[in-house]
PDB file of N, CA and C in Angstrom:
ATOM      1  N   UNK A   1    -108.577 -93.934 -98.472  1.00  0.00           N
ATOM      2  CA  UNK A   1    -108.089 -93.806 -99.820  1.00  0.00           C
ATOM      3  C   UNK A   1    -106.554 -93.781 -99.874  1.00  0.00           C
ATOM      4  N   UNK A   2    -105.961 -93.289 -98.817  1.00  0.00           N
ATOM      5  CA  UNK A   2    -104.496 -93.216 -98.784  1.00  0.00           C
ATOM      6  C   UNK A   2    -103.874 -94.608 -98.829  1.00  0.00           C
ATOM      7  N   UNK A   3    -104.434 -95.522 -98.038  1.00  0.00           N
ATOM      8  CA  UNK A   3    -103.895 -96.880 -98.006  1.00  0.00           C
ATOM      9  C   UNK A   3    -104.144 -97.571 -99.350  1.00  0.00           C
ATOM     10  N   UNK A   4    -105.261 -97.295 -99.966  1.00  0.00           N
ATOM     11  CA  UNK A   4    -105.557 -97.873-101.274  1.00  0.00           C
ATOM     12  C   UNK A   4    -104.545 -97.417-102.312  1.00  0.00           C
ATOM     13  N   UNK A   5    -104.262 -96.126-102.345  1.00  0.00           N
ATOM     14  CA  UNK A   5    -103.295 -95.600-103.308  1.00  0.00           C
ATOM     15  C   UNK A   5    -101.918 -96.232-103.102  1.00  0.00           C
ATOM     16  N   UNK A   6    -101.529 -96.393-101.849  1.00  0.00           N
ATOM     17  CA  UNK A   6    -100.236 -97.008-101.536  1.00  0.00           C
ATOM     18  C   UNK A   6    -100.194 -98.456-101.996  1.00  0.00           C
ATOM     19  N   UNK A   7    -101.208 -99.225-101.623  1.00  0.00           N
ATOM     20  CA  UNK A   7    -101.209-100.652-101.930  1.00  0.00           C
ATOM     21  C   UNK A   7    -101.391-100.949-103.414  1.00  0.00           C
ATOM     22  N   UNK A   8    -102.201-100.178-104.104  1.00  0.00           N
ATOM     23  CA  UNK A   8    -102.404-100.415-105.537  1.00  0.00           C
ATOM     24  C   UNK A   8    -101.089-100.250-106.287  1.00  0.00           C
ATOM     25  N   UNK A   9    -100.344 -99.203-105.974  1.00  0.00           N
ATOM     26  CA  UNK A   9     -99.056 -98.991-106.638  1.00  0.00           C
ATOM     27  C   UNK A   9     -98.077-100.132-106.344  1.00  0.00           C
ATOM     28  N   UNK A  10     -98.037-100.567-105.094  1.00  0.00           N
ATOM     29  CA  UNK A  10     -97.133-101.663-104.717  1.00  0.00           C
ATOM     30  C   UNK A  10     -97.532-102.960-105.416  1.00  0.00           C
ATOM     31  N   UNK A  11     -98.819-103.283-105.410  1.00  0.00           N
ATOM     32  CA  UNK A  11     -99.267-104.552-105.992  1.00  0.00           C
ATOM     33  C   UNK A  11     -99.151-104.557-107.513  1.00  0.00           C
ATOM     34  N   UNK A  12     -99.256-103.405-108.137  1.00  0.00           N
ATOM     35  CA  UNK A  12     -99.002-103.335-109.580  1.00  0.00           C
ATOM     36  C   UNK A  12     -97.536-103.652-109.873  1.00  0.00           C
ATOM     37  N   UNK A  13     -96.642-103.157-109.032  1.00  0.00           N
ATOM     38  CA  UNK A  13     -95.218-103.464-109.202  1.00  0.00           C
ATOM     39  C   UNK A  13     -94.952-104.948-108.949  1.00  0.00           C
ATOM     40  N   UNK A  14     -95.631-105.543-107.981  1.00  0.00           N
ATOM     41  CA  UNK A  14     -95.472-106.981-107.722  1.00  0.00           C
ATOM     42  C   UNK A  14     -95.937-107.775-108.935  1.00  0.00           C
ATOM     43  N   UNK A  15     -97.067-107.394-109.514  1.00  0.00           N
ATOM     44  CA  UNK A  15     -97.558-108.085-110.712  1.00  0.00           C
ATOM     45  C   UNK A  15     -96.590-107.942-111.873  1.00  0.00           C
ATOM     46  N   UNK A  16     -95.977-106.794-111.985  1.00  0.00           N
ATOM     47  CA  UNK A  16     -95.078-106.531-113.116  1.00  0.00           C
ATOM     48  C   UNK A  16     -93.701-107.166-112.947  1.00  0.00           C
ATOM     49  N   UNK A  17     -93.125-107.034-111.731  1.00  0.00           N
ATOM     50  CA  UNK A  17     -91.739-107.462-111.510  1.00  0.00           C
ATOM     51  C   UNK A  17     -91.596-108.683-110.622  1.00  0.00           C
ATOM     52  N   UNK A  18     -92.657-109.113-109.981  1.00  0.00           N
ATOM     53  CA  UNK A  18     -92.549-110.210-109.033  1.00  0.00           C
ATOM     54  C   UNK A  18     -92.095-109.700-107.676  1.00  0.00           C
ATOM     55  N   UNK A  19     -91.739-110.606-106.811  1.00  0.00           N
ATOM     56  CA  UNK A  19     -91.348-110.264-105.440  1.00  0.00           C
ATOM     57  C   UNK A  19     -89.850-109.996-105.339  1.00  0.00           C
ATOM     58  N   UNK A  20     -89.369-109.103-106.149  1.00  0.00           N
ATOM     59  CA  UNK A  20     -87.955-108.743-106.167  1.00  0.00           C
ATOM     60  C   UNK A  20     -87.745-107.439-105.412  1.00  0.00           C
ATOM     61  N   UNK A  21     -86.953-107.493-104.360  1.00  0.00           N
ATOM     62  CA  UNK A  21     -86.703-106.320-103.530  1.00  0.00           C
ATOM     63  C   UNK A  21     -86.105-105.173-104.346  1.00  0.00           C
ATOM     64  N   UNK A  22     -85.343-105.512-105.370  1.00  0.00           N
ATOM     65  CA  UNK A  22     -84.716-104.482-106.211  1.00  0.00           C
ATOM     66  C   UNK A  22     -85.769-103.511-106.755  1.00  0.00           C
ATOM     67  N   UNK A  23     -86.914-104.022-107.137  1.00  0.00           N
ATOM     68  CA  UNK A  23     -87.970-103.190-107.708  1.00  0.00           C
ATOM     69  C   UNK A  23     -88.929-102.646-106.651  1.00  0.00           C
ATOM     70  N   UNK A  24     -88.982-103.274-105.492  1.00  0.00           N
ATOM     71  CA  UNK A  24     -89.968-102.880-104.487  1.00  0.00           C
ATOM     72  C   UNK A  24     -89.429-101.932-103.417  1.00  0.00           C
ATOM     73  N   UNK A  25     -88.109-101.851-103.271  1.00  0.00           N
ATOM     74  CA  UNK A  25     -87.529-100.961-102.255  1.00  0.00           C
ATOM     75  C   UNK A  25     -87.900 -99.504-102.472  1.00  0.00           C
ATOM     76  N   UNK A  26     -88.191 -99.145-103.715  1.00  0.00           N
ATOM     77  CA  UNK A  26     -88.529 -97.745-104.004  1.00  0.00           C
ATOM     78  C   UNK A  26     -89.804 -97.300-103.284  1.00  0.00           C
ATOM     79  N   UNK A  27     -90.603 -98.246-102.809  1.00  0.00           N
ATOM     80  CA  UNK A  27     -91.836 -97.910-102.102  1.00  0.00           C
ATOM     81  C   UNK A  27     -91.619 -97.665-100.615  1.00  0.00           C
ATOM     82  N   UNK A  28     -90.407 -97.881-100.117  1.00  0.00           N
ATOM     83  CA  UNK A  28     -90.119 -97.626 -98.703  1.00  0.00           C
ATOM     84  C   UNK A  28     -90.435 -96.179 -98.330  1.00  0.00           C
ATOM     85  N   UNK A  29     -90.082 -95.230 -99.191  1.00  0.00           N
ATOM     86  CA  UNK A  29     -90.367 -93.811 -98.916  1.00  0.00           C
ATOM     87  C   UNK A  29     -91.865 -93.548 -98.900  1.00  0.00           C
ATOM     88  N   UNK A  30     -92.598 -94.199 -99.800  1.00  0.00           N
ATOM     89  CA  UNK A  30     -94.054 -94.026 -99.834  1.00  0.00           C
ATOM     90  C   UNK A  30     -94.688 -94.564 -98.554  1.00  0.00           C
ATOM     91  N   UNK A  31     -94.195 -95.714 -98.085  1.00  0.00           N
ATOM     92  CA  UNK A  31     -94.709 -96.297 -96.847  1.00  0.00           C
ATOM     93  C   UNK A  31     -94.402 -95.370 -95.678  1.00  0.00           C
ATOM     94  N   UNK A  32     -93.208 -94.831 -95.629  1.00  0.00           N
ATOM     95  CA  UNK A  32     -92.828 -93.905 -94.554  1.00  0.00           C
ATOM     96  C   UNK A  32     -93.716 -92.660 -94.567  1.00  0.00           C
ATOM     97  N   UNK A  33     -93.959 -92.111 -95.755  1.00  0.00           N
ATOM     98  CA  UNK A  33     -94.851 -90.943 -95.867  1.00  0.00           C
ATOM     99  C   UNK A  33     -96.263 -91.281 -95.409  1.00  0.00           C
ATOM    100  N   UNK A  34     -96.739 -92.462 -95.788  1.00  0.00           N
ATOM    101  CA  UNK A  34     -98.070 -92.898 -95.360  1.00  0.00           C
ATOM    102  C   UNK A  34     -98.160 -92.939 -93.839  1.00  0.00           C
ATOM    103  N   UNK A  35     -97.154 -93.526 -93.191  1.00  0.00           N
ATOM    104  CA  UNK A  35     -97.160 -93.612 -91.731  1.00  0.00           C
ATOM    105  C   UNK A  35     -97.089 -92.233 -91.094  1.00  0.00           C
ATOM    106  N   UNK A  36     -96.234 -91.364 -91.610  1.00  0.00           N
ATOM    107  CA  UNK A  36     -96.108 -90.021 -91.038  1.00  0.00           C
ATOM    108  C   UNK A  36     -97.405 -89.233 -91.171  1.00  0.00           C
ATOM    109  N   UNK A  37     -98.069 -89.389 -92.286  1.00  0.00           N
ATOM    110  CA  UNK A  37     -99.284 -88.614 -92.549  1.00  0.00           C
ATOM    111  C   UNK A  37    -100.524 -89.194 -91.870  1.00  0.00           C
ATOM    112  N   UNK A  38    -100.629 -90.516 -91.766  1.00  0.00           N
ATOM    113  CA  UNK A  38    -101.874 -91.140 -91.354  1.00  0.00           C
ATOM    114  C   UNK A  38    -101.833 -91.946 -90.066  1.00  0.00           C
ATOM    115  N   UNK A  39    -100.661 -92.344 -89.604  1.00  0.00           N
ATOM    116  CA  UNK A  39    -100.613 -93.271 -88.474  1.00  0.00           C
ATOM    117  C   UNK A  39     -99.884 -92.676 -87.273  1.00  0.00           C
ATOM    118  N   UNK A  40     -98.648 -92.269 -87.445  1.00  0.00           N
ATOM    119  CA  UNK A  40     -97.802 -91.821 -86.348  1.00  0.00           C
ATOM    120  C   UNK A  40     -98.333 -90.527 -85.735  1.00  0.00           C
ATOM    121  N   UNK A  41     -98.595 -90.582 -84.438  1.00  0.00           N
ATOM    122  CA  UNK A  41     -99.019 -89.393 -83.718  1.00  0.00           C
ATOM    123  C   UNK A  41    -100.433 -88.927 -84.014  1.00  0.00           C
ATOM    124  N   UNK A  42    -101.229 -89.739 -84.656  1.00  0.00           N
ATOM    125  CA  UNK A  42    -102.606 -89.361 -84.998  1.00  0.00           C
ATOM    126  C   UNK A  42    -103.584 -90.097 -84.101  1.00  0.00           C
ATOM    127  N   UNK A  43    -104.738 -89.499 -83.901  1.00  0.00           N
ATOM    128  CA  UNK A  43    -105.865 -90.159 -83.253  1.00  0.00           C
ATOM    129  C   UNK A  43    -107.102 -89.821 -84.049  1.00  0.00           C
ATOM    130  N   UNK A  44    -107.944 -90.820 -84.231  1.00  0.00           N
ATOM    131  CA  UNK A  44    -109.156 -90.641 -85.028  1.00  0.00           C
ATOM    132  C   UNK A  44    -110.381 -90.758 -84.135  1.00  0.00           C
ATOM    133  N   UNK A  45    -111.453 -90.077 -84.510  1.00  0.00           N
ATOM    134  CA  UNK A  45    -112.696 -90.106 -83.733  1.00  0.00           C
ATOM    135  C   UNK A  45    -113.478 -91.391 -83.964  1.00  0.00           C
ATOM    136  N   UNK A  46    -113.411 -91.916 -85.161  1.00  0.00           N
ATOM    137  CA  UNK A  46    -114.124 -93.147 -85.478  1.00  0.00           C
ATOM    138  C   UNK A  46    -113.430 -94.334 -84.801  1.00  0.00           C
ATOM    139  N   UNK A  47    -114.210 -95.147 -84.131  1.00  0.00           N
ATOM    140  CA  UNK A  47    -113.644 -96.309 -83.433  1.00  0.00           C
ATOM    141  C   UNK A  47    -112.998 -97.293 -84.408  1.00  0.00           C
ATOM    142  N   UNK A  48    -113.659 -97.530 -85.538  1.00  0.00           N
ATOM    143  CA  UNK A  48    -113.121 -98.464 -86.533  1.00  0.00           C
ATOM    144  C   UNK A  48    -111.811 -97.943 -87.112  1.00  0.00           C
ATOM    145  N   UNK A  49    -111.766 -96.666 -87.431  1.00  0.00           N
ATOM    146  CA  UNK A  49    -110.551 -96.077 -87.992  1.00  0.00           C
ATOM    147  C   UNK A  49    -109.414 -96.112 -86.983  1.00  0.00           C
ATOM    148  N   UNK A  50    -109.717 -95.822 -85.749  1.00  0.00           N
ATOM    149  CA  UNK A  50    -108.697 -95.856 -84.706  1.00  0.00           C
ATOM    150  C   UNK A  50    -108.171 -97.281 -84.509  1.00  0.00           C
ATOM    151  N   UNK A  51    -109.039 -98.269 -84.621  1.00  0.00           N
ATOM    152  CA  UNK A  51    -108.619 -99.673 -84.510  1.00  0.00           C
ATOM    153  C   UNK A  51    -107.624-100.014 -85.615  1.00  0.00           C
ATOM    154  N   UNK A  52    -107.926 -99.596 -86.845  1.00  0.00           N
ATOM    155  CA  UNK A  52    -106.998 -99.862 -87.952  1.00  0.00           C
ATOM    156  C   UNK A  52    -105.697 -99.100 -87.795  1.00  0.00           C
ATOM    157  N   UNK A  53    -105.769 -97.872 -87.301  1.00  0.00           N
ATOM    158  CA  UNK A  53    -104.550 -97.092 -87.086  1.00  0.00           C
ATOM    159  C   UNK A  53    -103.640 -97.812 -86.090  1.00  0.00           C
ATOM    160  N   UNK A  54    -104.236 -98.346 -85.024  1.00  0.00           N
ATOM    161  CA  UNK A  54    -103.452 -99.073 -84.023  1.00  0.00           C
ATOM    162  C   UNK A  54    -102.833-100.338 -84.618  1.00  0.00           C
ATOM    163  N   UNK A  55    -103.573-101.023 -85.480  1.00  0.00           N
ATOM    164  CA  UNK A  55    -103.027-102.227 -86.126  1.00  0.00           C
ATOM    165  C   UNK A  55    -101.861-101.887 -87.038  1.00  0.00           C
ATOM    166  N   UNK A  56    -102.036-100.827 -87.829  1.00  0.00           N
ATOM    167  CA  UNK A  56    -100.929-100.400 -88.685  1.00  0.00           C
ATOM    168  C   UNK A  56     -99.705-100.076 -87.838  1.00  0.00           C
ATOM    169  N   UNK A  57     -99.894 -99.417 -86.729  1.00  0.00           N
ATOM    170  CA  UNK A  57     -98.784 -99.054 -85.857  1.00  0.00           C
ATOM    171  C   UNK A  57     -98.149-100.295 -85.231  1.00  0.00           C
ATOM    172  N   UNK A  58     -98.970-101.216 -84.745  1.00  0.00           N
ATOM    173  CA  UNK A  58     -98.471-102.422 -84.079  1.00  0.00           C
ATOM    174  C   UNK A  58     -97.662-103.311 -85.023  1.00  0.00           C
ATOM    175  N   UNK A  59     -98.116-103.436 -86.249  1.00  0.00           N
ATOM    176  CA  UNK A  59     -97.468-104.355 -87.194  1.00  0.00           C
ATOM    177  C   UNK A  59     -96.576-103.638 -88.198  1.00  0.00           C
ATOM    178  N   UNK A  60     -96.135-102.454 -87.878  1.00  0.00           N
ATOM    179  CA  UNK A  60     -95.326-101.651 -88.793  1.00  0.00           C
ATOM    180  C   UNK A  60     -94.072-102.377 -89.282  1.00  0.00           C
ATOM    181  N   UNK A  61     -93.382-103.036 -88.389  1.00  0.00           N
ATOM    182  CA  UNK A  61     -92.126-103.692 -88.743  1.00  0.00           C
ATOM    183  C   UNK A  61     -92.314-104.884 -89.678  1.00  0.00           C
ATOM    184  N   UNK A  62     -93.446-105.577 -89.565  1.00  0.00           N
ATOM    185  CA  UNK A  62     -93.630-106.789 -90.364  1.00  0.00           C
ATOM    186  C   UNK A  62     -94.575-106.611 -91.553  1.00  0.00           C
ATOM    187  N   UNK A  63     -95.372-105.580 -91.560  1.00  0.00           N
ATOM    188  CA  UNK A  63     -96.401-105.423 -92.581  1.00  0.00           C
ATOM    189  C   UNK A  63     -95.825-105.268 -93.985  1.00  0.00           C
ATOM    190  N   UNK A  64     -94.749-104.538 -94.119  1.00  0.00           N
ATOM    191  CA  UNK A  64     -94.160-104.285 -95.437  1.00  0.00           C
ATOM    192  C   UNK A  64     -92.789-104.944 -95.586  1.00  0.00           C
ATOM    193  N   UNK A  65     -92.562-106.064 -94.902  1.00  0.00           N
ATOM    194  CA  UNK A  65     -91.296-106.793 -94.981  1.00  0.00           C
ATOM    195  C   UNK A  65     -90.987-107.221 -96.409  1.00  0.00           C
ATOM    196  N   UNK A  66     -92.013-107.559 -97.164  1.00  0.00           N
ATOM    197  CA  UNK A  66     -91.813-108.052 -98.532  1.00  0.00           C
ATOM    198  C   UNK A  66     -91.183-107.010 -99.455  1.00  0.00           C
ATOM    199  N   UNK A  67     -91.174-105.743 -99.063  1.00  0.00           N
ATOM    200  CA  UNK A  67     -90.560-104.705 -99.897  1.00  0.00           C
ATOM    201  C   UNK A  67     -89.035-104.776 -99.873  1.00  0.00           C
ATOM    202  N   UNK A  68     -88.473-105.272 -98.795  1.00  0.00           N
ATOM    203  CA  UNK A  68     -87.023-105.251 -98.653  1.00  0.00           C
ATOM    204  C   UNK A  68     -86.323-106.589 -98.806  1.00  0.00           C
ATOM    205  N   UNK A  69     -87.083-107.670 -98.994  1.00  0.00           N
ATOM    206  CA  UNK A  69     -86.459-108.992 -99.099  1.00  0.00           C
ATOM    207  C   UNK A  69     -87.091-109.761-100.251  1.00  0.00           C
ATOM    208  N   UNK A  70     -86.278-110.414-101.030  1.00  0.00           N
ATOM    209  CA  UNK A  70     -86.763-111.190-102.176  1.00  0.00           C
ATOM    210  C   UNK A  70     -87.596-112.385-101.745  1.00  0.00           C
ATOM    211  N   UNK A  71     -88.657-112.639-102.505  1.00  0.00           N
ATOM    212  CA  UNK A  71     -89.414-113.870-102.366  1.00  0.00           C
ATOM    213  C   UNK A  71     -90.398-113.947-101.223  1.00  0.00           C
ATOM    214  N   UNK A  72     -90.537-112.917-100.427  1.00  0.00           N
ATOM    215  CA  UNK A  72     -91.502-112.951 -99.332  1.00  0.00           C
ATOM    216  C   UNK A  72     -92.851-112.518 -99.898  1.00  0.00           C
ATOM    217  N   UNK A  73     -93.874-113.379 -99.794  1.00  0.00           N
ATOM    218  CA  UNK A  73     -95.182-113.016-100.358  1.00  0.00           C
ATOM    219  C   UNK A  73     -95.818-111.868 -99.583  1.00  0.00           C
ATOM    220  N   UNK A  74     -96.614-111.078-100.271  1.00  0.00           N
ATOM    221  CA  UNK A  74     -97.274-109.936 -99.640  1.00  0.00           C
ATOM    222  C   UNK A  74     -98.545-110.357 -98.911  1.00  0.00           C
ATOM    223  N   UNK A  75     -98.985-111.604 -99.087  1.00  0.00           N
ATOM    224  CA  UNK A  75    -100.167-112.103 -98.390  1.00  0.00           C
ATOM    225  C   UNK A  75     -99.825-113.441 -97.741  1.00  0.00           C
ATOM    226  N   UNK A  76    -100.767-114.020 -97.030  1.00  0.00           N
ATOM    227  CA  UNK A  76    -100.495-115.298 -96.366  1.00  0.00           C
ATOM    228  C   UNK A  76    -101.356-116.424 -96.940  1.00  0.00           C
ATOM    229  N   UNK A  77    -101.703-116.353 -98.202  1.00  0.00           N
ATOM    230  CA  UNK A  77    -102.547-117.376 -98.827  1.00  0.00           C
ATOM    231  C   UNK A  77    -101.935-118.768 -98.759  1.00  0.00           C
ATOM    232  N   UNK A  78    -100.637-118.872 -98.962  1.00  0.00           N
ATOM    233  CA  UNK A  78     -99.982-120.184 -98.922  1.00  0.00           C
ATOM    234  C   UNK A  78    -100.118-120.814 -97.535  1.00  0.00           C
ATOM    235  N   UNK A  79     -99.928-120.037 -96.492  1.00  0.00           N
ATOM    236  CA  UNK A  79    -100.043-120.556 -95.125  1.00  0.00           C
ATOM    237  C   UNK A  79    -101.481-120.983 -94.841  1.00  0.00           C
ATOM    238  N   UNK A  80    -102.441-120.193 -95.293  1.00  0.00           N
ATOM    239  CA  UNK A  80    -103.846-120.555 -95.065  1.00  0.00           C
ATOM    240  C   UNK A  80    -104.209-121.835 -95.801  1.00  0.00           C
ATOM    241  N   UNK A  81    -103.706-122.005 -96.997  1.00  0.00           N
ATOM    242  CA  UNK A  81    -103.987-123.233 -97.754  1.00  0.00           C
ATOM    243  C   UNK A  81    -103.377-124.455 -97.083  1.00  0.00           C
ATOM    244  N   UNK A  82    -102.194-124.289 -96.554  1.00  0.00           N
ATOM    245  CA  UNK A  82    -101.521-125.398 -95.873  1.00  0.00           C
ATOM    246  C   UNK A  82    -102.279-125.809 -94.603  1.00  0.00           C
ATOM    247  N   UNK A  83    -102.772-124.845 -93.876  1.00  0.00           N
ATOM    248  CA  UNK A  83    -103.482-125.131 -92.627  1.00  0.00           C
ATOM    249  C   UNK A  83    -104.875-125.686 -92.909  1.00  0.00           C
ATOM    250  N   UNK A  84    -105.484-125.298 -94.008  1.00  0.00           N
ATOM    251  CA  UNK A  84    -106.843-125.735 -94.329  1.00  0.00           C
ATOM    252  C   UNK A  84    -106.944-127.250 -94.353  1.00  0.00           C
ATOM    253  N   UNK A  85    -105.942-127.925 -94.892  1.00  0.00           N
ATOM    254  CA  UNK A  85    -105.960-129.393 -94.944  1.00  0.00           C
ATOM    255  C   UNK A  85    -106.009-130.005 -93.559  1.00  0.00           C
ATOM    256  N   UNK A  86    -105.308-129.400 -92.623  1.00  0.00           N
ATOM    257  CA  UNK A  86    -105.322-129.903 -91.241  1.00  0.00           C
ATOM    258  C   UNK A  86    -106.675-129.644 -90.579  1.00  0.00           C
ATOM    259  N   UNK A  87    -107.269-128.501 -90.877  1.00  0.00           N
ATOM    260  CA  UNK A  87    -108.549-128.144 -90.262  1.00  0.00           C
ATOM    261  C   UNK A  87    -109.685-129.013 -90.766  1.00  0.00           C
ATOM    262  N   UNK A  88    -109.629-129.375 -92.038  1.00  0.00           N
ATOM    263  CA  UNK A  88    -110.691-130.193 -92.620  1.00  0.00           C
ATOM    264  C   UNK A  88    -110.520-131.613 -92.151  1.00  0.00           C
TER     265      UNK A  88
END
């Protein structure tokens, strides 16, 4: 639920303001709090949860890049669409 609350707030801001770092930088503190509370220095008993925790930790530097730079999409749909033509 923690990740949902974080992402819903961010994506609502993206829908409202677009991919403008000016409006999205304010979520840097929320992302930091999320990592401190749920990822950094934690271990989970559930194998699936631990797998996701490790992924969040591994991709920390790139996962929320779109918050600090203008025009970077929060998903990779454009890249997948471009590659789909080659795969077909």
